[in-house]
Amino acid sequence: MNIATSPDSVLGFTLDAMKRTPDPRLRTVMEALTRHLHAFVQEVKLTEEEFEQALEFIVAIGHATGETKNEVVLAADILGVSTVVALQNNQDPQGESPAALLGPFWRANSPACAAGDNIARSGTPGIPLEVTGTVRDGKGQPMADATVDVWQASPVGLYENQDPSQDDMNLRGRFTTDAQGRFHFFSVRPAGYPVPTDGPCGVLLRAQRRHPNRPAHLHFMVSKPGHKVLITQVFADDDENLESDPTFGVTQRLIGRFALAPDGKTATLQHDFQLEPGEMKFPRPPIP
């Protein structure tokens, strides 16, 4: 009889019920998740009050998610889960560029741009930035007609969909590499910014005495048929928060040199990408 007599007996009954799952991968994932959740509850001796607080936190994450912010993605980020998933699925076995977090602010269908265009569309203040680079295949050969999708926060630390003062799709653009695999665009030098702290994730960060400030970075999504989509970030080498990113997303190879001109009035970034052969699959946009 499936009548609970102890915490361990409940685990056994739950796992037995899951054996009927026809999808083998779903069965494997859910069985492992269940074992770890039950073990966690027993390890920390979770109280009923704490259990209620946990459920309220999950509900609050859902309520805080909307058209301009995905609190669910943010929760995965600040718990380090997003970075672990990115790293273990993109182990960089042959020198391909390392992956990084998609983040909660990517939008699909950003404007198509010509080489040399400026993605700052709102008269965005800040230090002008020129970005150049080359996309290569797994053998190091330049890749023509690769798509380079780029997005960033403004120098005040807000993405355009967070900031009514910015034009729609400001600081976003899609570029196509030339015959030599090169891309080239202008923008403004990004600044570090805090992850959103007006929801339950902000409450958690404050309770843990953690700061919310991400180091300055540019987001890139590089793609071409026949190759895995590369989702990555390039961080400013002079940012004070490189070693304390609240999403744990910085690795050494993701740090780029945002070089200031001698007069300090302009900056440049040169960064190359290398793609891995595979299926071209795009993520679901976290926001519209």
Protein backbone atom coordinates (compact mmCIF):
# COMPACT_ATOMS: atom_id res chain seq x y z
CA MET A 1 0.00 0.00 0.00
CA ASN A 2 1.21 3.48 -0.89
CA ILE A 3 0.62 4.94 2.56
CA ALA A 4 3.28 7.31 3.83
CA THR A 5 5.07 6.21 6.98
CA SER A 6 8.20 8.38 6.71
CA PRO A 7 9.79 11.01 4.44
CA ASP A 8 11.76 8.28 2.68
CA SER A 9 8.59 6.32 1.96
CA VAL A 10 7.05 9.39 0.29
CA LEU A 11 10.10 9.66 -1.95
CA GLY A 12 9.76 6.01 -2.93
CA PHE A 13 6.06 6.37 -3.76
CA THR A 14 6.74 9.51 -5.81
CA LEU A 15 9.50 7.86 -7.83
CA ASP A 16 7.33 4.79 -8.42
CA ALA A 17 4.55 7.01 -9.79
CA MET A 18 6.99 8.63 -12.21
CA LYS A 19 8.02 5.29 -13.72
CA ARG A 20 4.92 5.47 -15.92
CA THR A 21 6.28 8.55 -17.74
CA PRO A 22 6.67 7.47 -21.40
CA ASP A 23 9.24 10.12 -22.33
CA PRO A 24 12.57 8.72 -21.04
CA ARG A 25 14.30 12.08 -20.80
CA LEU A 26 11.40 13.67 -18.92
CA ARG A 27 11.39 10.68 -16.56
CA THR A 28 15.15 11.00 -15.92
CA VAL A 29 14.99 14.74 -15.28
CA MET A 30 11.95 14.62 -13.00
CA GLU A 31 13.22 11.65 -11.00
CA ALA A 32 16.54 13.42 -10.37
CA LEU A 33 14.79 16.68 -9.50
CA THR A 34 12.49 14.88 -7.07
CA ARG A 35 15.35 13.06 -5.34
CA HIS A 36 17.31 16.29 -4.90
CA LEU A 37 14.29 18.28 -3.70
CA HIS A 38 13.36 15.66 -1.11
CA ALA A 39 16.99 15.45 0.04
CA PHE A 40 17.18 19.25 0.31
CA VAL A 41 14.02 19.44 2.42
CA GLN A 42 15.41 16.85 4.82
CA GLU A 43 18.94 18.27 4.88
CA VAL A 44 17.87 21.77 5.95
CA LYS A 45 14.91 20.46 8.00
CA LEU A 46 12.59 22.84 6.16
CA THR A 47 9.87 24.25 8.42
CA GLU A 48 6.27 24.75 7.35
CA GLU A 49 6.73 28.51 7.59
CA GLU A 50 9.80 28.37 5.35
CA PHE A 51 7.92 26.17 2.89
CA GLU A 52 5.14 28.77 2.69
CA GLN A 53 7.71 31.51 2.14
CA ALA A 54 9.29 29.50 -0.67
CA LEU A 55 5.93 29.05 -2.38
CA GLU A 56 5.17 32.75 -2.00
CA PHE A 57 8.56 33.56 -3.55
CA ILE A 58 7.78 31.40 -6.59
CA VAL A 59 4.35 33.01 -7.00
CA ALA A 60 5.91 36.47 -6.68
CA ILE A 61 8.40 35.65 -9.44
CA GLY A 62 5.48 34.91 -11.75
CA HIS A 63 3.65 38.11 -10.82
CA ALA A 64 6.83 40.17 -11.37
CA THR A 65 7.29 38.86 -14.92
CA GLY A 66 5.80 41.02 -17.66
CA GLU A 67 6.44 42.68 -21.00
CA THR A 68 9.58 44.49 -19.84
CA LYS A 69 11.11 42.00 -17.40
CA ASN A 70 11.39 38.23 -16.96
CA GLU A 71 11.85 37.61 -13.24
CA VAL A 72 12.03 33.85 -13.79
CA VAL A 73 15.15 34.19 -15.92
CA LEU A 74 16.57 36.65 -13.39
CA ALA A 75 16.05 34.15 -10.56
CA ALA A 76 17.92 31.46 -12.50
CA ASP A 77 20.68 33.98 -13.18
CA ILE A 78 21.29 35.13 -9.60
CA LEU A 79 21.27 31.52 -8.38
CA GLY A 80 24.04 30.70 -10.85
CA VAL A 81 21.91 28.11 -12.64
CA SER A 82 21.87 29.92 -16.00
CA THR A 83 25.66 30.09 -16.10
CA VAL A 84 26.05 26.41 -15.17
CA VAL A 85 23.67 25.42 -18.00
CA ALA A 86 25.53 27.63 -20.49
CA LEU A 87 28.94 26.29 -19.47
CA GLN A 88 28.08 22.59 -19.41
CA ASN A 89 26.35 22.77 -22.80
CA ASN A 90 29.14 24.78 -24.41
CA GLN A 91 32.38 23.28 -23.16
CA ASP A 92 34.50 24.91 -25.87
CA PRO A 93 36.22 21.66 -26.90
CA GLN A 94 37.94 22.94 -30.04
CA GLY A 95 38.56 26.61 -29.40
CA GLU A 96 35.11 27.91 -30.24
CA SER A 97 34.07 31.10 -28.50
CA PRO A 98 32.70 30.57 -24.98
CA ALA A 99 28.99 30.99 -24.38
CA ALA A 100 27.38 33.21 -21.76
CA LEU A 101 23.94 34.07 -20.44
CA LEU A 102 21.18 35.13 -22.80
CA GLY A 103 19.87 37.41 -20.07
CA PRO A 104 16.30 38.60 -19.59
CA PHE A 105 16.33 41.46 -22.13
CA TRP A 106 17.00 39.93 -25.55
CA ARG A 107 14.36 40.74 -28.16
CA ALA A 108 13.94 38.88 -31.42
CA ASN A 109 13.74 40.73 -34.74
CA SER A 110 16.04 43.60 -33.87
CA PRO A 111 16.64 45.96 -36.82
CA ALA A 112 18.80 44.78 -39.72
CA CYS A 113 21.76 47.13 -40.06
CA ALA A 114 24.47 47.80 -42.63
CA ALA A 115 28.15 47.58 -41.78
CA GLY A 116 29.24 50.74 -40.02
CA ASP A 117 25.76 51.69 -38.79
CA ASN A 118 25.26 53.19 -35.34
CA ILE A 119 22.85 51.28 -33.09
CA ALA A 120 22.42 54.31 -30.79
CA ARG A 121 19.15 55.65 -32.19
CA SER A 122 18.03 58.03 -29.46
CA GLY A 123 20.88 60.49 -29.42
CA THR A 124 22.14 58.33 -26.56
CA PRO A 125 24.77 60.18 -24.52
CA GLY A 126 28.03 58.46 -23.71
CA ILE A 127 31.49 57.76 -25.06
CA PRO A 128 31.24 56.77 -28.75
CA LEU A 129 32.32 53.15 -29.26
CA GLU A 130 33.51 51.50 -32.47
CA VAL A 131 33.21 47.69 -32.53
CA THR A 132 34.95 45.47 -35.08
CA GLY A 133 35.54 41.75 -35.35
CA THR A 134 35.61 38.62 -37.47
CA VAL A 135 33.45 35.50 -37.32
CA ARG A 136 35.27 32.22 -38.07
CA ASP A 137 34.31 28.59 -38.42
CA GLY A 138 35.69 25.67 -36.43
CA LYS A 139 38.75 25.54 -38.67
CA GLY A 140 39.51 29.21 -38.20
CA GLN A 141 38.30 30.26 -41.64
CA PRO A 142 36.35 33.53 -42.03
CA MET A 143 32.59 33.06 -42.35
CA ALA A 144 30.71 35.23 -44.81
CA ASP A 145 27.01 35.98 -44.28
CA ALA A 146 26.96 35.14 -40.58
CA THR A 147 24.44 37.11 -38.53
CA VAL A 148 25.72 39.14 -35.57
CA ASP A 149 22.86 40.24 -33.32
CA VAL A 150 23.97 42.75 -30.69
CA TRP A 151 22.20 44.47 -27.80
CA GLN A 152 23.25 46.43 -24.73
CA ALA A 153 22.15 48.68 -21.92
CA SER A 154 22.57 52.43 -22.20
CA PRO A 155 25.28 54.30 -20.28
CA VAL A 156 22.74 54.87 -17.50
CA GLY A 157 22.28 51.11 -17.16
CA LEU A 158 18.87 50.59 -18.78
CA TYR A 159 17.80 48.58 -21.80
CA GLU A 160 15.45 50.40 -24.15
CA ASN A 161 12.44 48.35 -23.12
CA GLN A 162 13.03 49.46 -19.51
CA ASP A 163 13.40 53.15 -20.35
CA PRO A 164 10.56 55.17 -21.95
CA SER A 165 13.02 57.92 -22.93
CA GLN A 166 14.78 55.61 -25.40
CA ASP A 167 13.49 54.88 -28.90
CA ASP A 168 12.15 51.42 -29.62
CA MET A 169 15.02 49.01 -30.38
CA ASN A 170 17.63 51.55 -29.30
CA LEU A 171 21.08 49.94 -28.84
CA ARG A 172 20.03 46.81 -30.72
CA GLY A 173 20.93 45.68 -34.23
CA ARG A 174 21.63 42.73 -36.54
CA PHE A 175 24.66 42.78 -38.82
CA THR A 176 25.80 40.44 -41.59
CA THR A 177 29.47 39.61 -42.01
CA ASP A 178 31.20 40.42 -45.30
CA ALA A 179 33.17 38.04 -47.54
CA GLN A 180 36.07 38.15 -45.06
CA GLY A 181 33.80 37.37 -42.10
CA ARG A 182 34.05 40.90 -40.74
CA PHE A 183 31.45 42.96 -38.89
CA HIS A 184 31.64 46.62 -37.90
CA PHE A 185 29.31 48.97 -36.06
CA PHE A 186 29.19 52.00 -33.80
CA SER A 187 27.47 52.43 -30.45
CA VAL A 188 28.23 54.03 -27.09
CA ARG A 189 30.43 52.50 -24.43
CA PRO A 190 28.20 50.45 -22.11
CA ALA A 191 28.10 50.99 -18.39
CA GLY A 192 27.62 48.53 -15.59
CA TYR A 193 24.09 48.35 -14.26
CA PRO A 194 22.09 46.71 -11.49
CA VAL A 195 19.88 43.76 -12.26
CA PRO A 196 16.25 44.64 -11.48
CA THR A 197 15.76 44.81 -7.73
CA ASP A 198 12.10 45.85 -7.56
CA GLY A 199 10.84 42.27 -7.37
CA PRO A 200 11.43 39.14 -5.29
CA CYS A 201 14.92 38.63 -6.71
CA GLY A 202 15.90 42.03 -5.34
CA VAL A 203 14.51 41.03 -1.95
CA LEU A 204 16.65 37.89 -2.02
CA LEU A 205 19.81 39.77 -3.00
CA ARG A 206 19.32 42.24 -0.15
CA ALA A 207 18.67 39.44 2.34
CA GLN A 208 21.96 37.84 1.28
CA ARG A 209 23.85 41.17 1.43
CA ARG A 210 24.75 40.85 -2.26
CA HIS A 211 25.13 43.83 -4.57
CA PRO A 212 23.10 43.78 -7.83
CA ASN A 213 25.63 45.41 -10.15
CA ARG A 214 26.62 43.62 -13.35
CA PRO A 215 29.89 44.64 -15.01
CA ALA A 216 29.59 46.61 -18.26
CA HIS A 217 29.14 44.37 -21.29
CA LEU A 218 27.80 43.91 -24.79
CA HIS A 219 25.54 40.99 -25.72
CA PHE A 220 26.15 39.04 -28.94
CA MET A 221 24.20 36.29 -30.67
CA VAL A 222 26.14 34.96 -33.65
CA SER A 223 24.58 32.49 -36.08
CA LYS A 224 24.84 30.82 -39.47
CA PRO A 225 23.09 27.73 -40.83
CA GLY A 226 25.05 24.57 -40.12
CA HIS A 227 26.47 25.97 -36.87
CA LYS A 228 25.31 26.19 -33.26
CA VAL A 229 24.00 29.60 -32.29
CA LEU A 230 26.58 31.37 -30.11
CA ILE A 231 25.05 33.39 -27.29
CA THR A 232 27.71 35.31 -25.43
CA GLN A 233 28.75 38.55 -23.75
CA VAL A 234 31.90 40.66 -23.87
CA PHE A 235 32.77 42.43 -20.61
CA ALA A 236 34.73 45.65 -20.17
CA ASP A 237 38.19 44.85 -18.85
CA ASP A 238 38.28 47.83 -16.50
CA ASP A 239 34.98 47.24 -14.67
CA GLU A 240 35.23 46.99 -10.88
CA ASN A 241 32.56 44.25 -10.71
CA LEU A 242 34.21 41.66 -12.96
CA GLU A 243 34.85 39.37 -9.99
CA SER A 244 31.50 39.92 -8.27
CA ASP A 245 28.94 39.65 -11.06
CA PRO A 246 25.62 38.78 -9.36
CA THR A 247 24.84 36.35 -12.19
CA PHE A 248 28.31 34.70 -12.09
CA GLY A 249 28.60 35.15 -15.85
CA VAL A 250 32.18 36.39 -16.28
CA THR A 251 34.91 34.06 -17.51
CA GLN A 252 38.41 35.09 -18.56
CA ARG A 253 37.79 34.67 -22.28
CA LEU A 254 34.67 36.83 -22.12
CA ILE A 255 36.67 39.89 -21.05
CA GLY A 256 37.37 42.33 -23.89
CA ARG A 257 39.55 45.39 -24.09
CA PHE A 258 37.41 48.50 -24.38
CA ALA A 259 40.28 50.79 -25.32
CA LEU A 260 39.91 54.51 -24.70
CA ALA A 261 41.54 56.95 -27.08
CA PRO A 262 44.32 59.09 -25.54
CA ASP A 263 41.91 62.02 -25.24
CA GLY A 264 39.31 59.81 -23.53
CA LYS A 265 36.60 60.90 -25.95
CA THR A 266 36.15 57.69 -27.96
CA ALA A 267 36.65 53.97 -27.43
CA THR A 268 37.16 50.85 -29.53
CA LEU A 269 36.54 47.13 -29.08
CA GLN A 270 37.96 44.45 -31.36
CA HIS A 271 36.60 40.97 -30.69
CA ASP A 272 36.42 37.83 -32.83
CA PHE A 273 34.03 34.89 -32.60
CA GLN A 274 34.37 31.25 -33.63
CA LEU A 275 31.34 29.05 -34.22
CA GLU A 276 30.90 25.34 -33.57
CA PRO A 277 29.32 23.06 -36.21
CA GLY A 278 25.85 21.89 -35.28
CA GLU A 279 22.16 22.63 -35.44
CA MET A 280 21.14 26.29 -35.59
CA LYS A 281 18.54 26.64 -32.81
CA PHE A 282 17.47 30.00 -31.44
CA PRO A 283 16.21 30.55 -27.88
CA ARG A 284 12.77 31.79 -27.04
CA PRO A 285 12.77 35.53 -26.40
CA PRO A 286 12.42 36.19 -22.64
CA ILE A 287 10.35 39.28 -23.48
CA PRO A 288 8.40 40.41 -26.60
